[in-house]
Amino acid sequence: QVQLVESGGGLVQPGGSLRLSCTASGIIFRLDTMDWYRQAPGKQRELVASISSGGSTNYAGSVKGRFTISRDNAKNTVYLQMNSLKAEDTAVYYCYANNRLIGHDYWGQGTQVTVSS
């Protein structure tokens, strides 16, 4: 079983920055895509950023140019650097990973990010 644990959330003022981390632990054979999702109150969960095992990235239009996703495969960790934060970035951020070979998906428990003055 694989567990994902996020950290780095908190309260930040508009225009500020935060860096989220998500580390996978347990019996890990492989991790393919590692993503960050977010869910704001009353809204559906949405994909924020995605990174493949080879380092290819994709971003939601609303965060492109402000957020950067990266990963350290040796540490089984994915990061999300969030700059120029806006109030509308306020949400619970979830880490996701998958192992396509065996068809398993893994989710973290979420970390709250609040952007407010």
N, C-alpha and C. Protein backbone atom coordinates (compact mmCIF):
# COMPACT_ATOMS: atom_id res chain seq x y z
N GLN A 1 0.85 -1.19 0.00
CA GLN A 1 0.00 0.00 0.00
C GLN A 1 0.89 1.25 0.00
N VAL A 2 0.43 2.26 -0.71
CA VAL A 2 1.16 3.52 -0.81
C VAL A 2 0.38 4.61 -0.10
N GLN A 3 1.06 5.39 0.71
CA GLN A 3 0.44 6.53 1.39
C GLN A 3 1.08 7.81 0.87
N LEU A 4 0.24 8.82 0.67
CA LEU A 4 0.71 10.15 0.27
C LEU A 4 0.42 11.12 1.39
N VAL A 5 1.43 11.89 1.77
CA VAL A 5 1.27 12.86 2.85
C VAL A 5 1.70 14.22 2.35
N GLU A 6 0.74 15.17 2.39
CA GLU A 6 1.03 16.54 1.97
C GLU A 6 1.47 17.39 3.15
N SER A 7 2.21 18.44 2.85
CA SER A 7 2.58 19.43 3.85
C SER A 7 2.83 20.76 3.16
N GLY A 8 2.85 21.82 3.96
CA GLY A 8 3.20 23.13 3.42
C GLY A 8 2.06 24.09 3.26
N GLY A 9 0.84 23.65 3.53
CA GLY A 9 -0.29 24.57 3.43
C GLY A 9 -0.29 25.59 4.55
N GLY A 10 -1.19 26.55 4.44
CA GLY A 10 -1.30 27.56 5.48
C GLY A 10 -2.02 28.79 5.00
N LEU A 11 -1.88 29.86 5.78
CA LEU A 11 -2.50 31.14 5.48
C LEU A 11 -1.44 32.08 4.91
N VAL A 12 -1.76 32.70 3.80
CA VAL A 12 -0.82 33.62 3.16
C VAL A 12 -1.59 34.81 2.61
N GLN A 13 -0.96 35.94 2.55
CA GLN A 13 -1.60 37.14 2.01
C GLN A 13 -1.60 37.09 0.48
N PRO A 14 -2.53 37.79 -0.14
CA PRO A 14 -2.52 37.87 -1.61
C PRO A 14 -1.18 38.38 -2.11
N GLY A 15 -0.69 37.74 -3.18
CA GLY A 15 0.62 38.08 -3.71
C GLY A 15 1.75 37.28 -3.11
N GLY A 16 1.46 36.54 -2.06
CA GLY A 16 2.48 35.75 -1.39
C GLY A 16 2.74 34.42 -2.06
N SER A 17 3.60 33.63 -1.42
CA SER A 17 4.01 32.34 -1.97
C SER A 17 3.91 31.25 -0.92
N LEU A 18 3.69 30.04 -1.41
CA LEU A 18 3.73 28.84 -0.58
C LEU A 18 4.33 27.72 -1.41
N ARG A 19 4.94 26.76 -0.71
CA ARG A 19 5.45 25.57 -1.39
C ARG A 19 4.85 24.34 -0.72
N LEU A 20 4.10 23.58 -1.50
CA LEU A 20 3.52 22.34 -1.01
C LEU A 20 4.44 21.17 -1.35
N SER A 21 4.46 20.20 -0.46
CA SER A 21 5.21 18.97 -0.69
C SER A 21 4.30 17.78 -0.48
N CYS A 22 4.57 16.72 -1.19
CA CYS A 22 3.82 15.48 -1.03
C CYS A 22 4.80 14.32 -1.19
N THR A 23 4.90 13.52 -0.13
CA THR A 23 5.83 12.40 -0.14
C THR A 23 5.07 11.08 -0.07
N ALA A 24 5.46 10.17 -0.94
CA ALA A 24 4.86 8.84 -0.95
C ALA A 24 5.69 7.90 -0.09
N SER A 25 5.00 7.06 0.65
CA SER A 25 5.69 6.07 1.48
C SER A 25 4.95 4.74 1.35
N GLY A 26 5.61 3.69 1.85
CA GLY A 26 5.02 2.37 1.76
C GLY A 26 5.76 1.53 0.74
N ILE A 27 5.07 0.54 0.21
CA ILE A 27 5.68 -0.35 -0.77
C ILE A 27 5.45 0.27 -2.15
N ILE A 28 6.50 0.92 -2.66
CA ILE A 28 6.39 1.67 -3.92
C ILE A 28 7.19 0.98 -4.99
N PHE A 29 6.51 0.47 -5.99
CA PHE A 29 7.22 -0.13 -7.12
C PHE A 29 7.47 0.90 -8.21
N ARG A 30 6.45 1.73 -8.43
CA ARG A 30 6.61 2.79 -9.41
C ARG A 30 5.51 3.81 -9.19
N LEU A 31 5.80 5.04 -9.55
CA LEU A 31 4.82 6.12 -9.54
C LEU A 31 4.89 6.78 -10.90
N ASP A 32 3.81 6.79 -11.61
CA ASP A 32 3.79 7.39 -12.94
C ASP A 32 3.45 8.87 -12.78
N THR A 33 2.24 9.26 -13.14
CA THR A 33 1.85 10.65 -13.01
C THR A 33 1.72 11.02 -11.52
N MET A 34 2.20 12.21 -11.20
CA MET A 34 1.96 12.78 -9.88
C MET A 34 1.32 14.15 -10.11
N ASP A 35 0.20 14.37 -9.47
CA ASP A 35 -0.60 15.58 -9.73
C ASP A 35 -0.92 16.31 -8.44
N TRP A 36 -1.29 17.55 -8.61
CA TRP A 36 -1.91 18.34 -7.55
C TRP A 36 -3.31 18.73 -8.02
N TYR A 37 -4.28 18.45 -7.18
CA TYR A 37 -5.67 18.87 -7.38
C TYR A 37 -6.03 19.84 -6.26
N ARG A 38 -7.12 20.55 -6.45
CA ARG A 38 -7.64 21.40 -5.38
C ARG A 38 -9.15 21.40 -5.43
N GLN A 39 -9.72 21.66 -4.25
CA GLN A 39 -11.17 21.75 -4.14
C GLN A 39 -11.54 22.89 -3.23
N ALA A 40 -12.22 23.87 -3.79
CA ALA A 40 -12.71 25.00 -3.02
C ALA A 40 -14.11 24.69 -2.50
N PRO A 41 -14.53 25.35 -1.43
CA PRO A 41 -15.87 25.10 -0.89
C PRO A 41 -16.95 25.27 -1.94
N GLY A 42 -17.81 24.28 -2.05
CA GLY A 42 -18.92 24.35 -2.99
C GLY A 42 -18.56 24.10 -4.43
N LYS A 43 -17.31 23.74 -4.68
CA LYS A 43 -16.87 23.51 -6.06
C LYS A 43 -16.34 22.09 -6.23
N GLN A 44 -16.26 21.67 -7.48
CA GLN A 44 -15.71 20.35 -7.77
C GLN A 44 -14.19 20.37 -7.67
N ARG A 45 -13.63 19.19 -7.39
CA ARG A 45 -12.19 19.07 -7.38
C ARG A 45 -11.66 19.28 -8.79
N GLU A 46 -10.58 20.05 -8.90
CA GLU A 46 -10.02 20.34 -10.22
C GLU A 46 -8.53 20.06 -10.24
N LEU A 47 -8.05 19.68 -11.42
CA LEU A 47 -6.64 19.44 -11.61
C LEU A 47 -5.91 20.77 -11.71
N VAL A 48 -4.87 20.92 -10.91
CA VAL A 48 -4.07 22.14 -10.90
C VAL A 48 -2.82 21.98 -11.76
N ALA A 49 -2.09 20.88 -11.52
CA ALA A 49 -0.83 20.66 -12.24
C ALA A 49 -0.52 19.18 -12.24
N SER A 50 0.19 18.76 -13.28
CA SER A 50 0.51 17.35 -13.45
C SER A 50 1.96 17.21 -13.92
N ILE A 51 2.62 16.15 -13.46
CA ILE A 51 3.99 15.90 -13.90
C ILE A 51 4.17 14.40 -14.11
N SER A 52 4.76 14.05 -15.24
CA SER A 52 5.00 12.64 -15.54
C SER A 52 6.29 12.18 -14.87
N SER A 53 6.53 10.88 -14.93
CA SER A 53 7.76 10.36 -14.34
C SER A 53 8.98 10.89 -15.06
N GLY A 54 8.81 11.30 -16.30
CA GLY A 54 9.92 11.85 -17.07
C GLY A 54 10.08 13.35 -16.94
N GLY A 55 9.13 13.98 -16.24
CA GLY A 55 9.25 15.41 -15.98
C GLY A 55 8.39 16.31 -16.85
N SER A 56 7.59 15.75 -17.72
CA SER A 56 6.69 16.58 -18.53
C SER A 56 5.58 17.13 -17.65
N THR A 57 5.27 18.41 -17.86
CA THR A 57 4.31 19.09 -16.98
C THR A 57 3.13 19.67 -17.76
N ASN A 58 2.02 19.80 -17.05
CA ASN A 58 0.83 20.47 -17.56
C ASN A 58 0.21 21.26 -16.43
N TYR A 59 -0.42 22.37 -16.79
CA TYR A 59 -1.01 23.25 -15.78
C TYR A 59 -2.41 23.68 -16.21
N ALA A 60 -3.24 23.91 -15.20
CA ALA A 60 -4.52 24.54 -15.45
C ALA A 60 -4.25 25.98 -15.89
N GLY A 61 -5.11 26.48 -16.76
CA GLY A 61 -4.91 27.83 -17.27
C GLY A 61 -4.87 28.89 -16.18
N SER A 62 -5.62 28.65 -15.11
CA SER A 62 -5.73 29.65 -14.05
C SER A 62 -4.46 29.80 -13.22
N VAL A 63 -3.56 28.82 -13.30
CA VAL A 63 -2.34 28.88 -12.50
C VAL A 63 -1.08 28.97 -13.35
N LYS A 64 -1.22 28.85 -14.65
CA LYS A 64 -0.05 28.85 -15.54
C LYS A 64 0.72 30.15 -15.38
N GLY A 65 2.02 30.02 -15.21
CA GLY A 65 2.87 31.19 -15.01
C GLY A 65 3.04 31.60 -13.57
N ARG A 66 2.20 31.03 -12.69
CA ARG A 66 2.31 31.36 -11.26
C ARG A 66 2.73 30.14 -10.43
N PHE A 67 2.31 28.97 -10.84
CA PHE A 67 2.61 27.73 -10.10
C PHE A 67 3.63 26.91 -10.89
N THR A 68 4.47 26.19 -10.16
CA THR A 68 5.45 25.29 -10.78
C THR A 68 5.41 23.95 -10.06
N ILE A 69 5.20 22.88 -10.82
CA ILE A 69 5.23 21.53 -10.26
C ILE A 69 6.58 20.90 -10.57
N SER A 70 7.10 20.16 -9.62
CA SER A 70 8.37 19.45 -9.82
C SER A 70 8.33 18.18 -8.98
N ARG A 71 9.26 17.28 -9.25
CA ARG A 71 9.29 16.04 -8.48
C ARG A 71 10.73 15.57 -8.32
N ASP A 72 10.93 14.85 -7.22
CA ASP A 72 12.20 14.21 -6.94
C ASP A 72 11.91 12.71 -6.87
N ASN A 73 12.22 12.00 -7.94
CA ASN A 73 11.88 10.58 -8.00
C ASN A 73 12.63 9.76 -6.95
N ALA A 74 13.84 10.17 -6.62
CA ALA A 74 14.61 9.45 -5.61
C ALA A 74 13.96 9.53 -4.24
N LYS A 75 13.25 10.62 -4.00
CA LYS A 75 12.58 10.83 -2.71
C LYS A 75 11.08 10.54 -2.78
N ASN A 76 10.60 10.13 -3.96
CA ASN A 76 9.16 9.88 -4.13
C ASN A 76 8.34 11.09 -3.68
N THR A 77 8.78 12.26 -4.06
CA THR A 77 8.17 13.50 -3.60
C THR A 77 7.83 14.40 -4.78
N VAL A 78 6.67 15.04 -4.70
CA VAL A 78 6.25 16.03 -5.68
C VAL A 78 6.03 17.35 -4.95
N TYR A 79 6.37 18.42 -5.61
CA TYR A 79 6.27 19.76 -5.03
C TYR A 79 5.35 20.63 -5.88
N LEU A 80 4.79 21.65 -5.24
CA LEU A 80 4.04 22.67 -5.96
C LEU A 80 4.46 24.02 -5.39
N GLN A 81 5.22 24.75 -6.17
CA GLN A 81 5.61 26.11 -5.81
C GLN A 81 4.52 27.04 -6.30
N MET A 82 3.92 27.77 -5.38
CA MET A 82 2.81 28.66 -5.72
C MET A 82 3.21 30.09 -5.44
N ASN A 83 3.27 30.91 -6.48
CA ASN A 83 3.64 32.32 -6.36
C ASN A 83 2.46 33.20 -6.77
N SER A 84 2.54 34.46 -6.41
CA SER A 84 1.51 35.43 -6.77
C SER A 84 0.12 34.90 -6.44
N LEU A 85 -0.03 34.40 -5.24
CA LEU A 85 -1.28 33.76 -4.84
C LEU A 85 -2.43 34.76 -4.80
N LYS A 86 -3.60 34.27 -5.17
CA LYS A 86 -4.81 35.08 -5.20
C LYS A 86 -5.85 34.46 -4.27
N ALA A 87 -6.84 35.24 -3.91
CA ALA A 87 -7.89 34.74 -3.04
C ALA A 87 -8.57 33.51 -3.65
N GLU A 88 -8.70 33.51 -4.95
CA GLU A 88 -9.37 32.39 -5.62
C GLU A 88 -8.54 31.11 -5.63
N ASP A 89 -7.31 31.17 -5.15
CA ASP A 89 -6.50 29.96 -5.01
C ASP A 89 -6.82 29.24 -3.69
N THR A 90 -7.62 29.85 -2.85
CA THR A 90 -7.99 29.25 -1.58
C THR A 90 -8.74 27.94 -1.81
N ALA A 91 -8.24 26.87 -1.22
CA ALA A 91 -8.83 25.54 -1.43
C ALA A 91 -8.06 24.53 -0.59
N VAL A 92 -8.61 23.33 -0.53
CA VAL A 92 -7.84 22.20 -0.01
C VAL A 92 -7.10 21.60 -1.21
N TYR A 93 -5.80 21.45 -1.06
CA TYR A 93 -4.96 20.92 -2.14
C TYR A 93 -4.65 19.45 -1.85
N TYR A 94 -4.87 18.62 -2.86
CA TYR A 94 -4.68 17.18 -2.73
C TYR A 94 -3.58 16.71 -3.68
N CYS A 95 -2.79 15.80 -3.18
CA CYS A 95 -1.77 15.14 -3.98
C CYS A 95 -2.36 13.84 -4.53
N TYR A 96 -1.99 13.52 -5.76
CA TYR A 96 -2.46 12.31 -6.42
C TYR A 96 -1.28 11.66 -7.14
N ALA A 97 -1.27 10.34 -7.12
CA ALA A 97 -0.26 9.60 -7.88
C ALA A 97 -0.88 8.32 -8.40
N ASN A 98 -0.31 7.77 -9.44
CA ASN A 98 -0.82 6.50 -9.94
C ASN A 98 0.29 5.57 -10.37
N ASN A 99 -0.08 4.30 -10.42
CA ASN A 99 0.78 3.25 -10.95
C ASN A 99 -0.02 2.60 -12.06
N ARG A 100 0.26 3.01 -13.30
CA ARG A 100 -0.54 2.53 -14.43
C ARG A 100 -0.35 1.04 -14.67
N LEU A 101 0.78 0.53 -14.26
CA LEU A 101 1.06 -0.88 -14.53
C LEU A 101 0.05 -1.79 -13.83
N ILE A 102 -0.30 -1.42 -12.60
CA ILE A 102 -1.25 -2.24 -11.84
C ILE A 102 -2.59 -1.54 -11.67
N GLY A 103 -2.71 -0.35 -12.24
CA GLY A 103 -4.00 0.33 -12.21
C GLY A 103 -4.40 0.85 -10.85
N HIS A 104 -3.45 1.30 -10.05
CA HIS A 104 -3.75 1.83 -8.72
C HIS A 104 -3.62 3.35 -8.71
N ASP A 105 -4.56 3.99 -8.01
CA ASP A 105 -4.55 5.43 -7.78
C ASP A 105 -4.37 5.68 -6.30
N TYR A 106 -3.65 6.74 -5.98
CA TYR A 106 -3.39 7.08 -4.58
C TYR A 106 -3.70 8.56 -4.37
N TRP A 107 -4.31 8.85 -3.23
CA TRP A 107 -4.64 10.23 -2.87
C TRP A 107 -4.10 10.55 -1.49
N GLY A 108 -3.67 11.81 -1.32
CA GLY A 108 -3.31 12.29 -0.01
C GLY A 108 -4.54 12.79 0.72
N GLN A 109 -4.35 13.21 1.97
CA GLN A 109 -5.48 13.62 2.80
C GLN A 109 -5.85 15.08 2.59
N GLY A 110 -4.99 15.82 1.92
CA GLY A 110 -5.27 17.22 1.62
C GLY A 110 -4.61 18.17 2.60
N THR A 111 -4.28 19.35 2.12
CA THR A 111 -3.73 20.41 2.96
C THR A 111 -4.41 21.73 2.58
N GLN A 112 -4.80 22.48 3.60
CA GLN A 112 -5.55 23.72 3.37
C GLN A 112 -4.62 24.85 2.98
N VAL A 113 -4.98 25.55 1.93
CA VAL A 113 -4.31 26.79 1.53
C VAL A 113 -5.35 27.90 1.57
N THR A 114 -5.08 28.92 2.34
CA THR A 114 -5.98 30.07 2.46
C THR A 114 -5.23 31.33 2.09
N VAL A 115 -5.76 32.04 1.12
CA VAL A 115 -5.14 33.29 0.67
C VAL A 115 -6.08 34.42 1.08
N SER A 116 -5.63 35.21 2.05
CA SER A 116 -6.49 36.25 2.60
C SER A 116 -5.65 37.31 3.27
N SER A 117 -6.14 38.55 3.22
CA SER A 117 -5.46 39.63 3.91
C SER A 117 -6.05 39.82 5.30
